[in-house]
C-alpha atoms as a PDB file:
ATOM      1  CA  MET A   1      12.079 -26.549  35.437  1.00  0.00           C
ATOM      2  CA  TYR A   2      12.017 -23.384  33.318  1.00  0.00           C
ATOM      3  CA  GLY A   3      11.156 -19.951  34.577  1.00  0.00           C
ATOM      4  CA  GLY A   4      10.864 -16.411  33.325  1.00  0.00           C
ATOM      5  CA  SER A   5      11.890 -15.535  29.781  1.00  0.00           C
ATOM      6  CA  TYR A   6      13.856 -18.772  29.334  1.00  0.00           C
ATOM      7  CA  GLU A   7      10.749 -20.935  29.154  1.00  0.00           C
ATOM      8  CA  PRO A   8      10.321 -22.399  25.650  1.00  0.00           C
ATOM      9  CA  LEU A   9       7.384 -21.252  23.590  1.00  0.00           C
ATOM     10  CA  PRO A  10       4.554 -23.677  22.919  1.00  0.00           C
ATOM     11  CA  ALA A  11       4.866 -25.768  19.752  1.00  0.00           C
ATOM     12  CA  ASP A  12       2.056 -23.892  17.968  1.00  0.00           C
ATOM     13  CA  ALA A  13       3.918 -20.566  18.325  1.00  0.00           C
ATOM     14  CA  TYR A  14       6.057 -21.484  15.310  1.00  0.00           C
ATOM     15  CA  SER A  15       3.252 -22.607  12.998  1.00  0.00           C
ATOM     16  CA  SER A  16       1.619 -20.408  10.379  1.00  0.00           C
ATOM     17  CA  THR A  17      -0.894 -20.906   7.616  1.00  0.00           C
ATOM     18  CA  LEU A  18      -1.739 -18.940   4.486  1.00  0.00           C
ATOM     19  CA  THR A  19      -5.137 -19.274   2.879  1.00  0.00           C
ATOM     20  CA  LEU A  20      -5.863 -17.473  -0.380  1.00  0.00           C
ATOM     21  CA  THR A  21      -9.315 -17.471  -1.884  1.00  0.00           C
ATOM     22  CA  TYR A  22     -10.577 -15.629  -4.933  1.00  0.00           C
ATOM     23  CA  ASP A  23     -13.434 -15.667  -7.377  1.00  0.00           C
ATOM     24  CA  ASP A  24     -13.013 -16.742 -10.980  1.00  0.00           C
ATOM     25  CA  ALA A  25     -13.172 -13.167 -12.263  1.00  0.00           C
ATOM     26  CA  VAL A  26     -11.398  -9.947 -11.358  1.00  0.00           C
ATOM     27  CA  VAL A  27     -13.835  -7.065 -11.182  1.00  0.00           C
ATOM     28  CA  TRP A  28     -12.438  -3.677 -12.181  1.00  0.00           C
ATOM     29  CA  THR A  29     -14.328  -0.593 -11.107  1.00  0.00           C
ATOM     30  CA  PRO A  30     -14.288   2.566 -13.238  1.00  0.00           C
ATOM     31  CA  ALA A  31     -12.159   4.281 -10.586  1.00  0.00           C
ATOM     32  CA  GLN A  32      -9.561   1.501 -10.751  1.00  0.00           C
ATOM     33  CA  LEU A  33      -9.447   1.654 -14.548  1.00  0.00           C
ATOM     34  CA  THR A  34      -9.034   5.428 -14.411  1.00  0.00           C
ATOM     35  CA  GLY A  35      -6.190   5.047 -11.923  1.00  0.00           C
ATOM     36  CA  LEU A  36      -4.530   2.432 -14.114  1.00  0.00           C
ATOM     37  CA  ALA A  37      -4.781   4.697 -17.174  1.00  0.00           C
ATOM     38  CA  LEU A  38      -3.364   7.656 -15.253  1.00  0.00           C
ATOM     39  CA  ALA A  39      -0.497   5.550 -13.910  1.00  0.00           C
ATOM     40  CA  ALA A  40       0.342   4.294 -17.406  1.00  0.00           C
ATOM     41  CA  ALA A  41       0.225   7.831 -18.824  1.00  0.00           C
ATOM     42  CA  GLY A  42       2.342   9.045 -15.919  1.00  0.00           C
ATOM     43  CA  CYS A  43       5.032   6.510 -16.817  1.00  0.00           C
ATOM     44  CA  LEU A  44       4.890   6.911 -20.597  1.00  0.00           C
ATOM     45  CA  LEU A  45       4.754  10.698 -20.797  1.00  0.00           C
ATOM     46  CA  PRO A  46       8.150  11.407 -19.152  1.00  0.00           C
ATOM     47  CA  ALA A  47       9.762   8.669 -21.251  1.00  0.00           C
ATOM     48  CA  ALA A  48       8.337  10.168 -24.452  1.00  0.00           C
ATOM     49  CA  VAL A  49       9.375  13.708 -23.532  1.00  0.00           C
ATOM     50  CA  GLY A  50      12.840  12.496 -22.565  1.00  0.00           C
ATOM     51  CA  GLY A  51      13.270  10.661 -25.854  1.00  0.00           C
ATOM     52  CA  TRP A  52      12.062  13.700 -27.782  1.00  0.00           C
ATOM     53  CA  ALA A  53      14.481  15.967 -25.859  1.00  0.00           C
ATOM     54  CA  LEU A  54      17.426  13.629 -26.468  1.00  0.00           C
ATOM     55  CA  GLY A  55      16.576  13.484 -30.159  1.00  0.00           C
ATOM     56  CA  ARG A  56      16.441  17.264 -30.426  1.00  0.00           C
ATOM     57  CA  ARG A  57      19.738  17.643 -28.566  1.00  0.00           C
ATOM     58  CA  ARG A  58      21.580  15.174 -30.778  1.00  0.00           C
ATOM     59  CA  ARG A  59      20.135  16.712 -33.924  1.00  0.00           C
ATOM     60  CA  ALA A  60      21.130  20.222 -32.762  1.00  0.00           C
ATOM     61  CA  THR A  61      24.742  19.221 -31.993  1.00  0.00           C
ATOM     62  CA  SER A  62      25.278  17.301 -35.242  1.00  0.00           C
ATOM     63  CA  ALA A  63      23.990  20.088 -37.533  1.00  0.00           C
END
């Protein structure tokens, strides 16, 4: 009855499953902890320098 690209897909073509498994503990390697520390420092350092620069600018203009 159907032919070519108009033939309906089989019923299982639309099904999907997701299976997540994990252990009870998350194991952090030293390399991962170092990367986490560097990422945190990389976010905090520009914010600290920006706050310091804004504070100096406001103090310089009000004096």
